[in-house]
PDB file of N, CA and C in Angstrom:
ATOM      1  N   MET A   1     -13.025   4.304  16.402  1.00  0.00           N
ATOM      2  CA  MET A   1     -13.708   3.130  15.938  1.00  0.00           C
ATOM      3  C   MET A   1     -13.566   2.989  14.426  1.00  0.00           C
ATOM      4  N   ALA A   2     -13.645   4.105  13.726  1.00  0.00           N
ATOM      5  CA  ALA A   2     -13.567   4.042  12.267  1.00  0.00           C
ATOM      6  C   ALA A   2     -12.197   3.567  11.812  1.00  0.00           C
ATOM      7  N   VAL A   3     -11.152   4.004  12.478  1.00  0.00           N
ATOM      8  CA  VAL A   3      -9.797   3.569  12.106  1.00  0.00           C
ATOM      9  C   VAL A   3      -9.656   2.068  12.318  1.00  0.00           C
ATOM     10  N   ALA A   4     -10.179   1.561  13.400  1.00  0.00           N
ATOM     11  CA  ALA A   4     -10.126   0.120  13.643  1.00  0.00           C
ATOM     12  C   ALA A   4     -10.902  -0.631  12.575  1.00  0.00           C
ATOM     13  N   GLU A   5     -12.024  -0.087  12.156  1.00  0.00           N
ATOM     14  CA  GLU A   5     -12.804  -0.735  11.108  1.00  0.00           C
ATOM     15  C   GLU A   5     -12.080  -0.671   9.765  1.00  0.00           C
ATOM     16  N   LEU A   6     -11.416   0.447   9.479  1.00  0.00           N
ATOM     17  CA  LEU A   6     -10.651   0.554   8.242  1.00  0.00           C
ATOM     18  C   LEU A   6      -9.523  -0.478   8.193  1.00  0.00           C
ATOM     19  N   ILE A   7      -8.881  -0.683   9.326  1.00  0.00           N
ATOM     20  CA  ILE A   7      -7.740  -1.607   9.386  1.00  0.00           C
ATOM     21  C   ILE A   7      -8.208  -3.059   9.484  1.00  0.00           C
ATOM     22  N   GLY A   8      -9.200  -3.327  10.287  1.00  0.00           N
ATOM     23  CA  GLY A   8      -9.561  -4.699  10.604  1.00  0.00           C
ATOM     24  C   GLY A   8     -10.594  -5.357   9.714  1.00  0.00           C
ATOM     25  N   PHE A   9     -11.409  -4.554   9.044  1.00  0.00           N
ATOM     26  CA  PHE A   9     -12.489  -5.108   8.219  1.00  0.00           C
ATOM     27  C   PHE A   9     -12.335  -4.601   6.795  1.00  0.00           C
ATOM     28  N   LYS A  10     -11.418  -5.195   6.067  1.00  0.00           N
ATOM     29  CA  LYS A  10     -11.103  -4.743   4.710  1.00  0.00           C
ATOM     30  C   LYS A  10     -12.273  -4.933   3.746  1.00  0.00           C
ATOM     31  N   SER A  11     -13.240  -5.775   4.083  1.00  0.00           N
ATOM     32  CA  SER A  11     -14.356  -6.018   3.174  1.00  0.00           C
ATOM     33  C   SER A  11     -15.355  -4.858   3.152  1.00  0.00           C
ATOM     34  N   THR A  12     -15.352  -4.032   4.192  1.00  0.00           N
ATOM     35  CA  THR A  12     -16.242  -2.881   4.226  1.00  0.00           C
ATOM     36  C   THR A  12     -15.611  -1.757   3.412  1.00  0.00           C
ATOM     37  N   PRO A  13     -16.344  -1.217   2.432  1.00  0.00           N
ATOM     38  CA  PRO A  13     -15.773  -0.134   1.613  1.00  0.00           C
ATOM     39  C   PRO A  13     -15.416   1.086   2.463  1.00  0.00           C
ATOM     40  N   PHE A  14     -14.259   1.672   2.160  1.00  0.00           N
ATOM     41  CA  PHE A  14     -13.786   2.822   2.940  1.00  0.00           C
ATOM     42  C   PHE A  14     -14.789   3.973   2.978  1.00  0.00           C
ATOM     43  N   PRO A  15     -15.434   4.339   1.854  1.00  0.00           N
ATOM     44  CA  PRO A  15     -16.396   5.449   1.936  1.00  0.00           C
ATOM     45  C   PRO A  15     -17.556   5.187   2.899  1.00  0.00           C
ATOM     46  N   VAL A  16     -17.959   3.946   3.020  1.00  0.00           N
ATOM     47  CA  VAL A  16     -19.047   3.603   3.949  1.00  0.00           C
ATOM     48  C   VAL A  16     -18.596   3.823   5.388  1.00  0.00           C
ATOM     49  N   VAL A  17     -17.392   3.386   5.700  1.00  0.00           N
ATOM     50  CA  VAL A  17     -16.852   3.553   7.053  1.00  0.00           C
ATOM     51  C   VAL A  17     -16.724   5.040   7.384  1.00  0.00           C
ATOM     52  N   ILE A  18     -16.174   5.801   6.446  1.00  0.00           N
ATOM     53  CA  ILE A  18     -15.973   7.229   6.682  1.00  0.00           C
ATOM     54  C   ILE A  18     -17.313   7.929   6.853  1.00  0.00           C
ATOM     55  N   ASN A  19     -18.287   7.605   6.015  1.00  0.00           N
ATOM     56  CA  ASN A  19     -19.600   8.232   6.123  1.00  0.00           C
ATOM     57  C   ASN A  19     -20.265   7.931   7.464  1.00  0.00           C
ATOM     58  N   GLU A  20     -20.167   6.707   7.917  1.00  0.00           N
ATOM     59  CA  GLU A  20     -20.750   6.356   9.221  1.00  0.00           C
ATOM     60  C   GLU A  20     -20.073   7.137  10.346  1.00  0.00           C
ATOM     61  N   ALA A  21     -18.753   7.269  10.273  1.00  0.00           N
ATOM     62  CA  ALA A  21     -18.030   8.023  11.299  1.00  0.00           C
ATOM     63  C   ALA A  21     -18.423   9.494  11.272  1.00  0.00           C
ATOM     64  N   LEU A  22     -18.622  10.042  10.090  1.00  0.00           N
ATOM     65  CA  LEU A  22     -19.030  11.444   9.993  1.00  0.00           C
ATOM     66  C   LEU A  22     -20.430  11.657  10.547  1.00  0.00           C
ATOM     67  N   GLU A  23     -21.310  10.704  10.330  1.00  0.00           N
ATOM     68  CA  GLU A  23     -22.660  10.813  10.900  1.00  0.00           C
ATOM     69  C   GLU A  23     -22.611  10.810  12.424  1.00  0.00           C
ATOM     70  N   ILE A  24     -21.788   9.963  12.998  1.00  0.00           N
ATOM     71  CA  ILE A  24     -21.624   9.949  14.457  1.00  0.00           C
ATOM     72  C   ILE A  24     -21.003  11.263  14.913  1.00  0.00           C
ATOM     73  N   GLY A  25     -20.016  11.744  14.162  1.00  0.00           N
ATOM     74  CA  GLY A  25     -19.381  13.013  14.499  1.00  0.00           C
ATOM     75  C   GLY A  25     -20.351  14.178  14.454  1.00  0.00           C
ATOM     76  N   ARG A  26     -21.235  14.190  13.489  1.00  0.00           N
ATOM     77  CA  ARG A  26     -22.232  15.267  13.403  1.00  0.00           C
ATOM     78  C   ARG A  26     -23.153  15.274  14.619  1.00  0.00           C
ATOM     79  N   ARG A  27     -23.409  14.101  15.149  1.00  0.00           N
ATOM     80  CA  ARG A  27     -24.316  14.011  16.284  1.00  0.00           C
ATOM     81  C   ARG A  27     -23.636  14.428  17.599  1.00  0.00           C
ATOM     82  N   TYR A  28     -22.348  14.074  17.769  1.00  0.00           N
ATOM     83  CA  TYR A  28     -21.711  14.230  19.074  1.00  0.00           C
ATOM     84  C   TYR A  28     -20.575  15.249  19.135  1.00  0.00           C
ATOM     85  N   SER A  29     -20.301  15.958  18.051  1.00  0.00           N
ATOM     86  CA  SER A  29     -19.210  16.931  18.111  1.00  0.00           C
ATOM     87  C   SER A  29     -19.638  18.257  17.505  1.00  0.00           C
ATOM     88  N   ALA A  30     -18.742  19.216  17.576  1.00  0.00           N
ATOM     89  CA  ALA A  30     -19.010  20.541  17.034  1.00  0.00           C
ATOM     90  C   ALA A  30     -19.010  20.483  15.504  1.00  0.00           C
ATOM     91  N   PRO A  31     -19.816  21.308  14.857  1.00  0.00           N
ATOM     92  CA  PRO A  31     -19.905  21.279  13.393  1.00  0.00           C
ATOM     93  C   PRO A  31     -18.564  21.507  12.684  1.00  0.00           C
ATOM     94  N   GLU A  32     -17.723  22.340  13.263  1.00  0.00           N
ATOM     95  CA  GLU A  32     -16.438  22.634  12.604  1.00  0.00           C
ATOM     96  C   GLU A  32     -15.446  21.477  12.682  1.00  0.00           C
ATOM     97  N   SER A  33     -15.711  20.490  13.488  1.00  0.00           N
ATOM     98  CA  SER A  33     -14.789  19.361  13.600  1.00  0.00           C
ATOM     99  C   SER A  33     -15.025  18.292  12.532  1.00  0.00           C
ATOM    100  N   ILE A  34     -16.121  18.375  11.794  1.00  0.00           N
ATOM    101  CA  ILE A  34     -16.443  17.364  10.788  1.00  0.00           C
ATOM    102  C   ILE A  34     -15.423  17.383   9.650  1.00  0.00           C
ATOM    103  N   ASN A  35     -15.014  18.555   9.211  1.00  0.00           N
ATOM    104  CA  ASN A  35     -14.011  18.638   8.137  1.00  0.00           C
ATOM    105  C   ASN A  35     -12.689  18.030   8.578  1.00  0.00           C
ATOM    106  N   PHE A  36     -12.308  18.277   9.807  1.00  0.00           N
ATOM    107  CA  PHE A  36     -11.072  17.697  10.340  1.00  0.00           C
ATOM    108  C   PHE A  36     -11.180  16.173  10.379  1.00  0.00           C
ATOM    109  N   LEU A  37     -12.262  15.664  10.902  1.00  0.00           N
ATOM    110  CA  LEU A  37     -12.476  14.226  10.988  1.00  0.00           C
ATOM    111  C   LEU A  37     -12.454  13.594   9.597  1.00  0.00           C
ATOM    112  N   ASN A  38     -13.115  14.218   8.656  1.00  0.00           N
ATOM    113  CA  ASN A  38     -13.127  13.714   7.293  1.00  0.00           C
ATOM    114  C   ASN A  38     -11.716  13.674   6.706  1.00  0.00           C
ATOM    115  N   GLY A  39     -10.938  14.719   6.929  1.00  0.00           N
ATOM    116  CA  GLY A  39      -9.569  14.762   6.420  1.00  0.00           C
ATOM    117  C   GLY A  39      -8.688  13.686   7.020  1.00  0.00           C
ATOM    118  N   VAL A  40      -8.813  13.487   8.305  1.00  0.00           N
ATOM    119  CA  VAL A  40      -7.995  12.469   8.975  1.00  0.00           C
ATOM    120  C   VAL A  40      -8.352  11.076   8.471  1.00  0.00           C
ATOM    121  N   LEU A  41      -9.630  10.765   8.427  1.00  0.00           N
ATOM    122  CA  LEU A  41     -10.048   9.435   7.979  1.00  0.00           C
ATOM    123  C   LEU A  41      -9.724   9.207   6.512  1.00  0.00           C
ATOM    124  N   ASP A  42      -9.862  10.236   5.694  1.00  0.00           N
ATOM    125  CA  ASP A  42      -9.515  10.106   4.280  1.00  0.00           C
ATOM    126  C   ASP A  42      -8.027   9.839   4.106  1.00  0.00           C
ATOM    127  N   SER A  43      -7.196  10.527   4.873  1.00  0.00           N
ATOM    128  CA  SER A  43      -5.747  10.301   4.800  1.00  0.00           C
ATOM    129  C   SER A  43      -5.381   8.886   5.215  1.00  0.00           C
ATOM    130  N   ILE A  44      -6.002   8.394   6.247  1.00  0.00           N
ATOM    131  CA  ILE A  44      -5.732   7.031   6.704  1.00  0.00           C
ATOM    132  C   ILE A  44      -6.188   6.019   5.652  1.00  0.00           C
ATOM    133  N   ALA A  45      -7.371   6.238   5.080  1.00  0.00           N
ATOM    134  CA  ALA A  45      -7.875   5.321   4.054  1.00  0.00           C
ATOM    135  C   ALA A  45      -6.954   5.301   2.833  1.00  0.00           C
ATOM    136  N   ARG A  46      -6.480   6.468   2.408  1.00  0.00           N
ATOM    137  CA  ARG A  46      -5.554   6.530   1.261  1.00  0.00           C
ATOM    138  C   ARG A  46      -4.242   5.811   1.574  1.00  0.00           C
ATOM    139  N   ALA A  47      -3.744   5.974   2.780  1.00  0.00           N
ATOM    140  CA  ALA A  47      -2.505   5.310   3.165  1.00  0.00           C
ATOM    141  C   ALA A  47      -2.696   3.793   3.168  1.00  0.00           C
ATOM    142  N   LEU A  48      -3.838   3.332   3.611  1.00  0.00           N
ATOM    143  CA  LEU A  48      -4.102   1.886   3.624  1.00  0.00           C
ATOM    144  C   LEU A  48      -4.242   1.343   2.202  1.00  0.00           C
ATOM    145  N   LEU A  49      -4.804   2.126   1.309  1.00  0.00           N
ATOM    146  CA  LEU A  49      -4.933   1.697  -0.084  1.00  0.00           C
ATOM    147  C   LEU A  49      -3.577   1.586  -0.765  1.00  0.00           C
ATOM    148  N   ASN A  50      -2.661   2.469  -0.390  1.00  0.00           N
ATOM    149  CA  ASN A  50      -1.326   2.478  -1.017  1.00  0.00           C
ATOM    150  C   ASN A  50      -0.347   1.529  -0.379  1.00  0.00           C
ATOM    151  N   SER A  51      -0.744   0.867   0.700  1.00  0.00           N
ATOM    152  CA  SER A  51       0.196  -0.041   1.377  1.00  0.00           C
ATOM    153  C   SER A  51       0.025  -1.465   0.942  1.00  0.00           C
TER     154      SER A  51
END
């Protein structure tokens, strides 16, 4: 969902989207997966900024 929001809703700041996704991840996934999720979303956000 966060990737779709990053791509489709450019008006929403990337840090807000990433933070919301991490909050959902904290609730529904294992604690060790949060760093992975953060890294993936950050990489996607950086790629979108550079394109």
